[in-house]
Amino acid sequence: MKHLISAVRTFILAFLLLGMGFSHSFAARNYSFAVKKEGHGKPIILIHGLYCSGAVWDETVAHYKNKYTCYELTLPGFAGQPPLKSDTILKSIAHELAGFIRDNKLEKPVIIGHSLGGWLAMQFGIMYPELPGKLVCVSTGPFLPAFMLGTNATADSARPMALQMKERMSSLSSDQIRNAQRYMLSSMISDTANIRKVMEMAALCDSYTQGEVMYELYTTDLRQQLNTITCPILALGDWSAYKDYGSTRNSVLENYKSQYQKAPQTVIAINDVAKHFIMMDQPGWFFEQLDAFLK
């Protein structure tokens, strides 16, 4: 466990500095998030991670748009989307997402989320278990501090760290975000073109939002509520970026199993090559797992 904790410290530092920005609007009503709609067929909703936009899912949309209607979200305070001034941003977004699904009469949509987006998918499944058809959680868990502090971590034990991160992240300028990512993103993405794209687009995100959302993630433990989720769950994990720090495939897998144990319907798959952005680093493997799960 010490090796895992050490390895994930690097993940946490890099996780603060995710990014990509590009968004479209959706005409149904005034939601706080933007929506880009493509394709036809059964509905898929895609949610990005911290310092990102819906554009992280462009390759996924291209893969599925001939069989599914894809709704690519860009959350408030991300990539130029106007922010929500709230201390419950994620819960507010979950409520809005329920309204979006009902307003547009989406029947049992698949909700796919990366990092923050995967956590939000789980929160949504807990709050509205009757709405989603399936959840896909990419490189995330129901309590993110458990990756860094171990599975005995609690919201109270993580709170001091969460406050520090919130204060730091909320004060970053666009140039500071860009410069920090120039250093950190190589531990999260393998392809240099994607690193450059993320580095530039992250600078468009609202700093207050990133700090507040990180605080909410680190002080909200969903593990004991996962049994409320009734639909199938696919959890995709990565570990290769942390092996130089002593992390092993098995230590990461056991952490995932522990975090998702209250949702026994969860299928867990670990990639041995990809870094944090699994869908960008190993799209072939990612689509293979997702294709099988969606059948």
Foldseek 3Di string as FASTA:
>chain_A
DVLQLQLCVLVVLLLLQWAFADFAADDLDDDLKHKDKAADEAEEEEEEGFRYFLVLCVVVCVVCRPHYIYIRIGHDQHRQRPHDPDLPRLVSNLVVVVVVCVSVVRAQYEYEYAALSQLSQLVSCLVCQRGHQEYEYAAYFQARCCSNVNPVDALVNQQVVLVVQLVVQQPDALVRSLVSLVPRCVLAFPDPVVSNNGSNSSSSGHSNVSSSSSSCRNNGGCQVSSLSRDHAYEYEHEDQSRVVSPDDPVVVVVSRCSRNVSPVNYDYDYDHDHGSSCCRHPVPVVVVVVVVVVD
